[in-house]
């Protein structure tokens, strides 16, 4: 368990799970790829994506692979978590499916 600002979170070491995982090649936007598009633009919008990673479900067949043992028992992650490979690419694909139809979109999430 790892202490956070307002609660405790289970933390697992997923190196053995990540090693045989086939890496997803969905491109992740880079700041240099779009800054020239923003010159002289006047309309901007933001989306608050706090804890958005933790709202995308893990496939039911893969939930047992996320199991971790803590002093409080066995936990299996039902939603994506940091530490798993391909999480950033999966999240970027999710965002592309939501706002990818826009001519130029870039999402900064925290």
PDB file of N, CA and C in Angstrom:
ATOM      1  N   UNK A   1       0.856  -1.181   0.000  1.00  0.00           N
ATOM      2  CA  UNK A   1       0.000   0.000   0.000  1.00  0.00           C
ATOM      3  C   UNK A   1       0.897   1.238   0.000  1.00  0.00           C
ATOM      4  N   UNK A   2       0.468   2.250  -0.752  1.00  0.00           N
ATOM      5  CA  UNK A   2       1.232   3.485  -0.886  1.00  0.00           C
ATOM      6  C   UNK A   2       0.372   4.643  -0.384  1.00  0.00           C
ATOM      7  N   UNK A   3       0.915   5.473   0.525  1.00  0.00           N
ATOM      8  CA  UNK A   3       0.122   6.610   1.002  1.00  0.00           C
ATOM      9  C   UNK A   3       0.020   7.680  -0.079  1.00  0.00           C
ATOM     10  N   UNK A   4      -1.187   8.228  -0.242  1.00  0.00           N
ATOM     11  CA  UNK A   4      -1.430   9.357  -1.142  1.00  0.00           C
ATOM     12  C   UNK A   4      -1.921  10.520  -0.297  1.00  0.00           C
ATOM     13  N   UNK A   5      -2.182  11.635  -0.936  1.00  0.00           N
ATOM     14  CA  UNK A   5      -2.555  12.837  -0.208  1.00  0.00           C
ATOM     15  C   UNK A   5      -3.782  12.621   0.669  1.00  0.00           C
ATOM     16  N   UNK A   6      -4.804  11.956   0.139  1.00  0.00           N
ATOM     17  CA  UNK A   6      -6.050  11.822   0.889  1.00  0.00           C
ATOM     18  C   UNK A   6      -6.442  10.382   1.213  1.00  0.00           C
ATOM     19  N   UNK A   7      -5.665   9.399   0.753  1.00  0.00           N
ATOM     20  CA  UNK A   7      -5.999   8.005   1.036  1.00  0.00           C
ATOM     21  C   UNK A   7      -4.795   7.101   0.776  1.00  0.00           C
ATOM     22  N   UNK A   8      -5.024   5.815   0.839  1.00  0.00           N
ATOM     23  CA  UNK A   8      -4.006   4.812   0.534  1.00  0.00           C
ATOM     24  C   UNK A   8      -4.405   4.090  -0.744  1.00  0.00           C
ATOM     25  N   UNK A   9      -3.408   3.716  -1.549  1.00  0.00           N
ATOM     26  CA  UNK A   9      -3.692   2.989  -2.783  1.00  0.00           C
ATOM     27  C   UNK A   9      -2.844   1.731  -2.833  1.00  0.00           C
ATOM     28  N   UNK A  10      -3.435   0.654  -3.340  1.00  0.00           N
ATOM     29  CA  UNK A  10      -2.631  -0.558  -3.536  1.00  0.00           C
ATOM     30  C   UNK A  10      -1.669  -0.336  -4.700  1.00  0.00           C
ATOM     31  N   UNK A  11      -0.477  -0.882  -4.577  1.00  0.00           N
ATOM     32  CA  UNK A  11       0.538  -0.731  -5.611  1.00  0.00           C
ATOM     33  C   UNK A  11       1.113  -2.098  -5.921  1.00  0.00           C
ATOM     34  N   UNK A  12       1.184  -2.437  -7.199  1.00  0.00           N
ATOM     35  CA  UNK A  12       1.729  -3.725  -7.606  1.00  0.00           C
ATOM     36  C   UNK A  12       2.947  -3.553  -8.497  1.00  0.00           C
ATOM     37  N   UNK A  13       3.830  -4.527  -8.453  1.00  0.00           N
ATOM     38  CA  UNK A  13       5.003  -4.543  -9.323  1.00  0.00           C
ATOM     39  C   UNK A  13       4.642  -5.370 -10.554  1.00  0.00           C
ATOM     40  N   UNK A  14       4.442  -4.707 -11.683  1.00  0.00           N
ATOM     41  CA  UNK A  14       3.951  -5.370 -12.891  1.00  0.00           C
ATOM     42  C   UNK A  14       5.056  -5.642 -13.912  1.00  0.00           C
ATOM     43  N   UNK A  15       6.311  -5.657 -13.488  1.00  0.00           N
ATOM     44  CA  UNK A  15       7.401  -5.893 -14.442  1.00  0.00           C
ATOM     45  C   UNK A  15       7.294  -7.253 -15.106  1.00  0.00           C
ATOM     46  N   UNK A  16       6.943  -8.290 -14.371  1.00  0.00           N
ATOM     47  CA  UNK A  16       6.817  -9.621 -14.977  1.00  0.00           C
ATOM     48  C   UNK A  16       5.624  -9.696 -15.925  1.00  0.00           C
ATOM     49  N   UNK A  17       4.567  -8.952 -15.658  1.00  0.00           N
ATOM     50  CA  UNK A  17       3.414  -8.910 -16.554  1.00  0.00           C
ATOM     51  C   UNK A  17       3.720  -8.076 -17.797  1.00  0.00           C
ATOM     52  N   UNK A  18       4.444  -6.969 -17.619  1.00  0.00           N
ATOM     53  CA  UNK A  18       4.738  -6.074 -18.728  1.00  0.00           C
ATOM     54  C   UNK A  18       5.769  -6.638 -19.699  1.00  0.00           C
ATOM     55  N   UNK A  19       6.665  -7.517 -19.242  1.00  0.00           N
ATOM     56  CA  UNK A  19       7.730  -8.037 -20.097  1.00  0.00           C
ATOM     57  C   UNK A  19       7.196  -8.781 -21.328  1.00  0.00           C
ATOM     58  N   UNK A  20       6.273  -9.735 -21.202  1.00  0.00           N
ATOM     59  CA  UNK A  20       5.803 -10.429 -22.408  1.00  0.00           C
ATOM     60  C   UNK A  20       4.683  -9.688 -23.160  1.00  0.00           C
ATOM     61  N   UNK A  21       4.195  -8.587 -22.604  1.00  0.00           N
ATOM     62  CA  UNK A  21       3.081  -7.867 -23.225  1.00  0.00           C
ATOM     63  C   UNK A  21       3.528  -7.232 -24.536  1.00  0.00           C
ATOM     64  N   UNK A  22       2.714  -7.406 -25.565  1.00  0.00           N
ATOM     65  CA  UNK A  22       2.988  -6.782 -26.863  1.00  0.00           C
ATOM     66  C   UNK A  22       2.669  -5.295 -26.732  1.00  0.00           C
ATOM     67  N   UNK A  23       3.633  -4.449 -27.082  1.00  0.00           N
ATOM     68  CA  UNK A  23       3.454  -3.014 -26.934  1.00  0.00           C
ATOM     69  C   UNK A  23       2.491  -2.470 -27.981  1.00  0.00           C
ATOM     70  N   UNK A  24       1.619  -1.583 -27.537  1.00  0.00           N
ATOM     71  CA  UNK A  24       0.661  -0.922 -28.419  1.00  0.00           C
ATOM     72  C   UNK A  24       1.382   0.217 -29.121  1.00  0.00           C
ATOM     73  N   UNK A  25       1.139   0.386 -30.401  1.00  0.00           N
ATOM     74  CA  UNK A  25       1.835   1.407 -31.179  1.00  0.00           C
ATOM     75  C   UNK A  25       0.958   2.604 -31.495  1.00  0.00           C
ATOM     76  N   UNK A  26      -0.115   2.843 -30.730  1.00  0.00           N
ATOM     77  CA  UNK A  26      -0.941   4.012 -30.975  1.00  0.00           C
ATOM     78  C   UNK A  26      -0.127   5.249 -30.625  1.00  0.00           C
ATOM     79  N   UNK A  27      -0.034   6.229 -31.536  1.00  0.00           N
ATOM     80  CA  UNK A  27       0.843   7.383 -31.286  1.00  0.00           C
ATOM     81  C   UNK A  27       0.308   8.284 -30.181  1.00  0.00           C
ATOM     82  N   UNK A  28       1.223   8.794 -29.401  1.00  0.00           N
ATOM     83  CA  UNK A  28       0.894   9.738 -28.348  1.00  0.00           C
ATOM     84  C   UNK A  28       1.341  11.115 -28.815  1.00  0.00           C
ATOM     85  N   UNK A  29       0.458  12.101 -28.689  1.00  0.00           N
ATOM     86  CA  UNK A  29       0.766  13.453 -29.141  1.00  0.00           C
ATOM     87  C   UNK A  29       1.965  14.021 -28.392  1.00  0.00           C
ATOM     88  N   UNK A  30       2.779  14.759 -29.102  1.00  0.00           N
ATOM     89  CA  UNK A  30       3.931  15.416 -28.521  1.00  0.00           C
ATOM     90  C   UNK A  30       3.743  16.914 -28.689  1.00  0.00           C
ATOM     91  N   UNK A  31       4.187  17.691 -27.740  1.00  0.00           N
ATOM     92  CA  UNK A  31       3.953  19.130 -27.753  1.00  0.00           C
ATOM     93  C   UNK A  31       4.512  19.789 -29.016  1.00  0.00           C
ATOM     94  N   UNK A  32       5.603  19.299 -29.547  1.00  0.00           N
ATOM     95  CA  UNK A  32       6.194  19.901 -30.747  1.00  0.00           C
ATOM     96  C   UNK A  32       5.367  19.618 -32.005  1.00  0.00           C
ATOM     97  N   UNK A  33       4.517  18.605 -31.954  1.00  0.00           N
ATOM     98  CA  UNK A  33       3.729  18.244 -33.125  1.00  0.00           C
ATOM     99  C   UNK A  33       2.574  19.203 -33.394  1.00  0.00           C
ATOM    100  N   UNK A  34       2.164  19.959 -32.415  1.00  0.00           N
ATOM    101  CA  UNK A  34       0.973  20.779 -32.618  1.00  0.00           C
ATOM    102  C   UNK A  34       1.159  22.257 -32.303  1.00  0.00           C
ATOM    103  N   UNK A  35       2.284  22.666 -31.733  1.00  0.00           N
ATOM    104  CA  UNK A  35       2.419  24.062 -31.313  1.00  0.00           C
ATOM    105  C   UNK A  35       2.336  25.037 -32.484  1.00  0.00           C
ATOM    106  N   UNK A  36       2.822  24.653 -33.645  1.00  0.00           N
ATOM    107  CA  UNK A  36       2.749  25.560 -34.794  1.00  0.00           C
ATOM    108  C   UNK A  36       1.301  25.780 -35.244  1.00  0.00           C
ATOM    109  N   UNK A  37       0.412  24.837 -34.955  1.00  0.00           N
ATOM    110  CA  UNK A  37      -1.001  24.966 -35.325  1.00  0.00           C
ATOM    111  C   UNK A  37      -1.700  26.008 -34.451  1.00  0.00           C
ATOM    112  N   UNK A  38      -1.235  26.184 -33.225  1.00  0.00           N
ATOM    113  CA  UNK A  38      -1.909  27.062 -32.274  1.00  0.00           C
ATOM    114  C   UNK A  38      -1.607  28.544 -32.486  1.00  0.00           C
ATOM    115  N   UNK A  39      -0.617  28.863 -33.319  1.00  0.00           N
ATOM    116  CA  UNK A  39      -0.251  30.260 -33.528  1.00  0.00           C
ATOM    117  C   UNK A  39      -1.439  31.035 -34.097  1.00  0.00           C
ATOM    118  N   UNK A  40      -1.763  32.170 -33.490  1.00  0.00           N
ATOM    119  CA  UNK A  40      -2.865  33.060 -33.877  1.00  0.00           C
ATOM    120  C   UNK A  40      -4.260  32.465 -33.641  1.00  0.00           C
ATOM    121  N   UNK A  41      -4.363  31.352 -32.969  1.00  0.00           N
ATOM    122  CA  UNK A  41      -5.683  30.806 -32.644  1.00  0.00           C
ATOM    123  C   UNK A  41      -6.254  31.560 -31.445  1.00  0.00           C
ATOM    124  N   UNK A  42      -7.572  31.644 -31.380  1.00  0.00           N
ATOM    125  CA  UNK A  42      -8.211  32.424 -30.323  1.00  0.00           C
ATOM    126  C   UNK A  42      -9.119  31.595 -29.419  1.00  0.00           C
ATOM    127  N   UNK A  43      -9.587  30.460 -29.868  1.00  0.00           N
ATOM    128  CA  UNK A  43     -10.519  29.653 -29.076  1.00  0.00           C
ATOM    129  C   UNK A  43      -9.819  28.407 -28.550  1.00  0.00           C
ATOM    130  N   UNK A  44      -9.866  28.242 -27.246  1.00  0.00           N
ATOM    131  CA  UNK A  44      -9.245  27.092 -26.603  1.00  0.00           C
ATOM    132  C   UNK A  44     -10.222  26.513 -25.590  1.00  0.00           C
ATOM    133  N   UNK A  45     -10.074  25.254 -25.312  1.00  0.00           N
ATOM    134  CA  UNK A  45     -10.928  24.596 -24.340  1.00  0.00           C
ATOM    135  C   UNK A  45     -10.095  23.591 -23.557  1.00  0.00           C
ATOM    136  N   UNK A  46     -10.509  23.303 -22.361  1.00  0.00           N
ATOM    137  CA  UNK A  46      -9.829  22.300 -21.550  1.00  0.00           C
ATOM    138  C   UNK A  46     -10.840  21.272 -21.063  1.00  0.00           C
ATOM    139  N   UNK A  47     -10.329  20.098 -20.759  1.00  0.00           N
ATOM    140  CA  UNK A  47     -11.146  19.035 -20.191  1.00  0.00           C
ATOM    141  C   UNK A  47     -10.466  18.597 -18.903  1.00  0.00           C
ATOM    142  N   UNK A  48     -11.213  18.537 -17.822  1.00  0.00           N
ATOM    143  CA  UNK A  48     -10.656  18.089 -16.550  1.00  0.00           C
ATOM    144  C   UNK A  48     -10.691  16.567 -16.523  1.00  0.00           C
ATOM    145  N   UNK A  49      -9.529  15.953 -16.543  1.00  0.00           N
ATOM    146  CA  UNK A  49      -9.443  14.498 -16.611  1.00  0.00           C
ATOM    147  C   UNK A  49      -8.782  13.906 -15.360  1.00  0.00           C
ATOM    148  N   UNK A  50      -9.101  14.460 -14.203  1.00  0.00           N
ATOM    149  CA  UNK A  50      -8.525  13.946 -12.965  1.00  0.00           C
ATOM    150  C   UNK A  50      -8.959  12.498 -12.772  1.00  0.00           C
ATOM    151  N   UNK A  51      -8.014  11.624 -12.577  1.00  0.00           N
ATOM    152  CA  UNK A  51      -8.221  10.194 -12.362  1.00  0.00           C
ATOM    153  C   UNK A  51      -8.915   9.509 -13.548  1.00  0.00           C
ATOM    154  N   UNK A  52      -8.758  10.048 -14.732  1.00  0.00           N
ATOM    155  CA  UNK A  52      -9.410   9.471 -15.906  1.00  0.00           C
ATOM    156  C   UNK A  52      -8.869   8.083 -16.229  1.00  0.00           C
ATOM    157  N   UNK A  53      -7.574   7.842 -15.972  1.00  0.00           N
ATOM    158  CA  UNK A  53      -7.008   6.511 -16.209  1.00  0.00           C
ATOM    159  C   UNK A  53      -7.800   5.458 -15.437  1.00  0.00           C
ATOM    160  N   UNK A  54      -8.204   5.816 -14.246  1.00  0.00           N
ATOM    161  CA  UNK A  54      -8.844   4.855 -13.356  1.00  0.00           C
ATOM    162  C   UNK A  54     -10.322   4.639 -13.667  1.00  0.00           C
ATOM    163  N   UNK A  55     -10.799   5.180 -14.774  1.00  0.00           N
ATOM    164  CA  UNK A  55     -12.194   4.997 -15.168  1.00  0.00           C
ATOM    165  C   UNK A  55     -12.340   4.119 -16.408  1.00  0.00           C
ATOM    166  N   UNK A  56     -11.216   3.690 -16.991  1.00  0.00           N
ATOM    167  CA  UNK A  56     -11.251   2.827 -18.163  1.00  0.00           C
ATOM    168  C   UNK A  56     -11.102   1.387 -17.694  1.00  0.00           C
ATOM    169  N   UNK A  57     -12.090   0.526 -17.971  1.00  0.00           N
ATOM    170  CA  UNK A  57     -12.067  -0.833 -17.432  1.00  0.00           C
ATOM    171  C   UNK A  57     -11.006  -1.727 -18.081  1.00  0.00           C
ATOM    172  N   UNK A  58     -10.507  -2.650 -17.288  1.00  0.00           N
ATOM    173  CA  UNK A  58      -9.620  -3.710 -17.779  1.00  0.00           C
ATOM    174  C   UNK A  58     -10.518  -4.819 -18.323  1.00  0.00           C
ATOM    175  N   UNK A  59     -10.114  -5.447 -19.414  1.00  0.00           N
ATOM    176  CA  UNK A  59     -10.906  -6.550 -19.981  1.00  0.00           C
ATOM    177  C   UNK A  59     -11.105  -7.627 -18.912  1.00  0.00           C
ATOM    178  N   UNK A  60     -12.292  -8.198 -18.871  1.00  0.00           N
ATOM    179  CA  UNK A  60     -12.631  -9.183 -17.838  1.00  0.00           C
ATOM    180  C   UNK A  60     -11.647 -10.346 -17.804  1.00  0.00           C
ATOM    181  N   UNK A  61     -11.168 -10.777 -18.961  1.00  0.00           N
ATOM    182  CA  UNK A  61     -10.215 -11.897 -19.010  1.00  0.00           C
ATOM    183  C   UNK A  61      -8.858 -11.522 -18.425  1.00  0.00           C
ATOM    184  N   UNK A  62      -8.545 -10.219 -18.367  1.00  0.00           N
ATOM    185  CA  UNK A  62      -7.238  -9.769 -17.890  1.00  0.00           C
ATOM    186  C   UNK A  62      -7.237  -9.314 -16.434  1.00  0.00           C
ATOM    187  N   UNK A  63      -8.395  -9.252 -15.811  1.00  0.00           N
ATOM    188  CA  UNK A  63      -8.465  -8.805 -14.415  1.00  0.00           C
ATOM    189  C   UNK A  63      -7.625  -9.686 -13.489  1.00  0.00           C
ATOM    190  N   UNK A  64      -7.650 -11.018 -13.592  1.00  0.00           N
ATOM    191  CA  UNK A  64      -6.809 -11.831 -12.701  1.00  0.00           C
ATOM    192  C   UNK A  64      -5.311 -11.558 -12.853  1.00  0.00           C
ATOM    193  N   UNK A  65      -4.886 -11.068 -14.004  1.00  0.00           N
ATOM    194  CA  UNK A  65      -3.463 -10.758 -14.222  1.00  0.00           C
ATOM    195  C   UNK A  65      -3.020  -9.551 -13.403  1.00  0.00           C
ATOM    196  N   UNK A  66      -3.958  -8.733 -12.953  1.00  0.00           N
ATOM    197  CA  UNK A  66      -3.616  -7.522 -12.203  1.00  0.00           C
ATOM    198  C   UNK A  66      -3.605  -7.769 -10.694  1.00  0.00           C
ATOM    199  N   UNK A  67      -3.751  -8.998 -10.263  1.00  0.00           N
ATOM    200  CA  UNK A  67      -3.854  -9.311  -8.829  1.00  0.00           C
ATOM    201  C   UNK A  67      -2.586  -8.916  -8.081  1.00  0.00           C
ATOM    202  N   UNK A  68      -2.778  -8.411  -6.877  1.00  0.00           N
ATOM    203  CA  UNK A  68      -1.664  -8.073  -5.998  1.00  0.00           C
ATOM    204  C   UNK A  68      -2.046  -8.431  -4.569  1.00  0.00           C
ATOM    205  N   UNK A  69      -1.055  -8.843  -3.816  1.00  0.00           N
ATOM    206  CA  UNK A  69      -1.277  -9.221  -2.421  1.00  0.00           C
ATOM    207  C   UNK A  69      -0.872  -8.050  -1.534  1.00  0.00           C
ATOM    208  N   UNK A  70      -1.745  -7.671  -0.620  1.00  0.00           N
ATOM    209  CA  UNK A  70      -1.478  -6.602   0.336  1.00  0.00           C
ATOM    210  C   UNK A  70      -1.702  -7.157   1.738  1.00  0.00           C
ATOM    211  N   UNK A  71      -1.334  -6.410   2.762  1.00  0.00           N
ATOM    212  CA  UNK A  71      -1.624  -6.865   4.129  1.00  0.00           C
ATOM    213  C   UNK A  71      -3.120  -7.024   4.404  1.00  0.00           C
ATOM    214  N   UNK A  72      -3.957  -6.442   3.527  1.00  0.00           N
ATOM    215  CA  UNK A  72      -5.403  -6.481   3.728  1.00  0.00           C
ATOM    216  C   UNK A  72      -6.089  -7.529   2.867  1.00  0.00           C
ATOM    217  N   UNK A  73      -5.320  -8.265   2.075  1.00  0.00           N
ATOM    218  CA  UNK A  73      -5.909  -9.292   1.232  1.00  0.00           C
ATOM    219  C   UNK A  73      -5.470  -9.164  -0.219  1.00  0.00           C
ATOM    220  N   UNK A  74      -6.100  -9.958  -1.062  1.00  0.00           N
ATOM    221  CA  UNK A  74      -5.798  -9.981  -2.492  1.00  0.00           C
ATOM    222  C   UNK A  74      -6.673  -8.949  -3.204  1.00  0.00           C
ATOM    223  N   UNK A  75      -6.038  -8.119  -4.050  1.00  0.00           N
ATOM    224  CA  UNK A  75      -6.769  -7.125  -4.831  1.00  0.00           C
ATOM    225  C   UNK A  75      -6.575  -7.399  -6.311  1.00  0.00           C
ATOM    226  N   UNK A  76      -7.645  -7.277  -7.082  1.00  0.00           N
ATOM    227  CA  UNK A  76      -7.578  -7.343  -8.539  1.00  0.00           C
ATOM    228  C   UNK A  76      -8.129  -6.024  -9.064  1.00  0.00           C
ATOM    229  N   UNK A  77      -7.417  -5.443 -10.013  1.00  0.00           N
ATOM    230  CA  UNK A  77      -7.818  -4.146 -10.555  1.00  0.00           C
ATOM    231  C   UNK A  77      -8.890  -4.325 -11.619  1.00  0.00           C
ATOM    232  N   UNK A  78      -9.989  -3.649 -11.461  1.00  0.00           N
ATOM    233  CA  UNK A  78     -11.062  -3.673 -12.452  1.00  0.00           C
ATOM    234  C   UNK A  78     -10.894  -2.557 -13.481  1.00  0.00           C
ATOM    235  N   UNK A  79     -10.066  -1.559 -13.136  1.00  0.00           N
ATOM    236  CA  UNK A  79      -9.830  -0.422 -14.009  1.00  0.00           C
ATOM    237  C   UNK A  79      -8.331  -0.219 -14.184  1.00  0.00           C
ATOM    238  N   UNK A  80      -7.954   0.468 -15.255  1.00  0.00           N
ATOM    239  CA  UNK A  80      -6.537   0.678 -15.548  1.00  0.00           C
ATOM    240  C   UNK A  80      -5.846   1.403 -14.403  1.00  0.00           C
ATOM    241  N   UNK A  81      -4.572   1.110 -14.250  1.00  0.00           N
ATOM    242  CA  UNK A  81      -3.786   1.718 -13.200  1.00  0.00           C
ATOM    243  C   UNK A  81      -2.387   1.996 -13.728  1.00  0.00           C
ATOM    244  N   UNK A  82      -1.698   2.909 -13.084  1.00  0.00           N
ATOM    245  CA  UNK A  82      -0.318   3.177 -13.445  1.00  0.00           C
ATOM    246  C   UNK A  82       0.516   1.937 -13.159  1.00  0.00           C
ATOM    247  N   UNK A  83       1.546   1.735 -13.935  1.00  0.00           N
ATOM    248  CA  UNK A  83       2.402   0.577 -13.771  1.00  0.00           C
ATOM    249  C   UNK A  83       2.204  -0.453 -14.862  1.00  0.00           C
ATOM    250  N   UNK A  84       1.015  -0.496 -15.434  1.00  0.00           N
ATOM    251  CA  UNK A  84       0.752  -1.412 -16.542  1.00  0.00           C
ATOM    252  C   UNK A  84       1.230  -0.768 -17.839  1.00  0.00           C
ATOM    253  N   UNK A  85       1.915  -1.548 -18.686  1.00  0.00           N
ATOM    254  CA  UNK A  85       2.340  -0.965 -19.958  1.00  0.00           C
ATOM    255  C   UNK A  85       1.125  -0.801 -20.862  1.00  0.00           C
ATOM    256  N   UNK A  86       1.222   0.065 -21.821  1.00  0.00           N
ATOM    257  CA  UNK A  86       0.170   0.397 -22.780  1.00  0.00           C
ATOM    258  C   UNK A  86      -0.958   1.238 -22.194  1.00  0.00           C
ATOM    259  N   UNK A  87      -0.865   1.640 -20.942  1.00  0.00           N
ATOM    260  CA  UNK A  87      -1.929   2.446 -20.344  1.00  0.00           C
ATOM    261  C   UNK A  87      -2.014   3.804 -21.039  1.00  0.00           C
ATOM    262  N   UNK A  88      -0.885   4.453 -21.286  1.00  0.00           N
ATOM    263  CA  UNK A  88      -0.897   5.767 -21.928  1.00  0.00           C
ATOM    264  C   UNK A  88      -1.463   5.674 -23.346  1.00  0.00           C
ATOM    265  N   UNK A  89      -1.084   4.633 -24.078  1.00  0.00           N
ATOM    266  CA  UNK A  89      -1.576   4.462 -25.442  1.00  0.00           C
ATOM    267  C   UNK A  89      -3.072   4.165 -25.450  1.00  0.00           C
ATOM    268  N   UNK A  90      -3.533   3.355 -24.512  1.00  0.00           N
ATOM    269  CA  UNK A  90      -4.954   3.050 -24.416  1.00  0.00           C
ATOM    270  C   UNK A  90      -5.754   4.301 -24.082  1.00  0.00           C
ATOM    271  N   UNK A  91      -5.219   5.110 -23.174  1.00  0.00           N
ATOM    272  CA  UNK A  91      -5.903   6.347 -22.811  1.00  0.00           C
ATOM    273  C   UNK A  91      -5.929   7.308 -23.998  1.00  0.00           C
ATOM    274  N   UNK A  92      -4.832   7.412 -24.748  1.00  0.00           N
ATOM    275  CA  UNK A  92      -4.795   8.298 -25.899  1.00  0.00           C
ATOM    276  C   UNK A  92      -5.789   7.836 -26.968  1.00  0.00           C
ATOM    277  N   UNK A  93      -5.903   6.527 -27.175  1.00  0.00           N
ATOM    278  CA  UNK A  93      -6.886   5.986 -28.114  1.00  0.00           C
ATOM    279  C   UNK A  93      -8.306   6.329 -27.658  1.00  0.00           C
ATOM    280  N   UNK A  94      -8.552   6.200 -26.371  1.00  0.00           N
ATOM    281  CA  UNK A  94      -9.853   6.554 -25.805  1.00  0.00           C
ATOM    282  C   UNK A  94     -10.181   8.016 -26.071  1.00  0.00           C
ATOM    283  N   UNK A  95      -9.228   8.914 -25.841  1.00  0.00           N
ATOM    284  CA  UNK A  95      -9.438  10.338 -26.097  1.00  0.00           C
ATOM    285  C   UNK A  95      -9.648  10.599 -27.585  1.00  0.00           C
ATOM    286  N   UNK A  96      -8.916   9.897 -28.430  1.00  0.00           N
ATOM    287  CA  UNK A  96      -9.076  10.067 -29.870  1.00  0.00           C
ATOM    288  C   UNK A  96     -10.475   9.648 -30.307  1.00  0.00           C
ATOM    289  N   UNK A  97     -11.007   8.578 -29.708  1.00  0.00           N
ATOM    290  CA  UNK A  97     -12.361   8.138 -30.043  1.00  0.00           C
ATOM    291  C   UNK A  97     -13.405   9.167 -29.624  1.00  0.00           C
ATOM    292  N   UNK A  98     -13.116   9.940 -28.573  1.00  0.00           N
ATOM    293  CA  UNK A  98     -14.067  10.938 -28.091  1.00  0.00           C
ATOM    294  C   UNK A  98     -13.971  12.233 -28.892  1.00  0.00           C
ATOM    295  N   UNK A  99     -12.762  12.773 -29.077  1.00  0.00           N
ATOM    296  CA  UNK A  99     -12.614  14.089 -29.714  1.00  0.00           C
ATOM    297  C   UNK A  99     -11.763  14.044 -30.982  1.00  0.00           C
ATOM    298  N   UNK A 100     -11.470  12.877 -31.490  1.00  0.00           N
ATOM    299  CA  UNK A 100     -10.612  12.755 -32.665  1.00  0.00           C
ATOM    300  C   UNK A 100     -11.220  13.292 -33.936  1.00  0.00           C
ATOM    301  N   UNK A 101     -12.528  13.476 -33.965  1.00  0.00           N
ATOM    302  CA  UNK A 101     -13.180  14.006 -35.164  1.00  0.00           C
ATOM    303  C   UNK A 101     -12.906  15.497 -35.343  1.00  0.00           C
ATOM    304  N   UNK A 102     -12.419  16.175 -34.291  1.00  0.00           N
ATOM    305  CA  UNK A 102     -12.108  17.595 -34.397  1.00  0.00           C
ATOM    306  C   UNK A 102     -10.872  17.776 -35.275  1.00  0.00           C
ATOM    307  N   UNK A 103     -10.800  18.900 -35.980  1.00  0.00           N
ATOM    308  CA  UNK A 103      -9.668  19.136 -36.871  1.00  0.00           C
ATOM    309  C   UNK A 103      -8.335  19.070 -36.134  1.00  0.00           C
ATOM    310  N   UNK A 104      -8.231  19.797 -35.060  1.00  0.00           N
ATOM    311  CA  UNK A 104      -6.993  19.811 -34.275  1.00  0.00           C
ATOM    312  C   UNK A 104      -7.374  19.673 -32.819  1.00  0.00           C
ATOM    313  N   UNK A 105      -6.907  18.625 -32.226  1.00  0.00           N
ATOM    314  CA  UNK A 105      -7.176  18.499 -30.802  1.00  0.00           C
ATOM    315  C   UNK A 105      -5.896  18.069 -30.112  1.00  0.00           C
ATOM    316  N   UNK A 106      -5.733  18.563 -28.940  1.00  0.00           N
ATOM    317  CA  UNK A 106      -4.639  18.138 -28.096  1.00  0.00           C
ATOM    318  C   UNK A 106      -5.165  18.137 -26.686  1.00  0.00           C
ATOM    319  N   UNK A 107      -4.832  17.129 -25.967  1.00  0.00           N
ATOM    320  CA  UNK A 107      -5.353  16.975 -24.618  1.00  0.00           C
ATOM    321  C   UNK A 107      -4.186  16.926 -23.640  1.00  0.00           C
ATOM    322  N   UNK A 108      -4.170  17.838 -22.702  1.00  0.00           N
ATOM    323  CA  UNK A 108      -3.196  17.815 -21.619  1.00  0.00           C
ATOM    324  C   UNK A 108      -3.936  17.299 -20.396  1.00  0.00           C
ATOM    325  N   UNK A 109      -3.478  16.198 -19.867  1.00  0.00           N
ATOM    326  CA  UNK A 109      -4.152  15.646 -18.701  1.00  0.00           C
ATOM    327  C   UNK A 109      -3.168  15.559 -17.559  1.00  0.00           C
ATOM    328  N   UNK A 110      -3.711  15.605 -16.364  1.00  0.00           N
ATOM    329  CA  UNK A 110      -2.865  15.560 -15.175  1.00  0.00           C
ATOM    330  C   UNK A 110      -3.347  14.492 -14.244  1.00  0.00           C
TER     331      UNK A 110
END
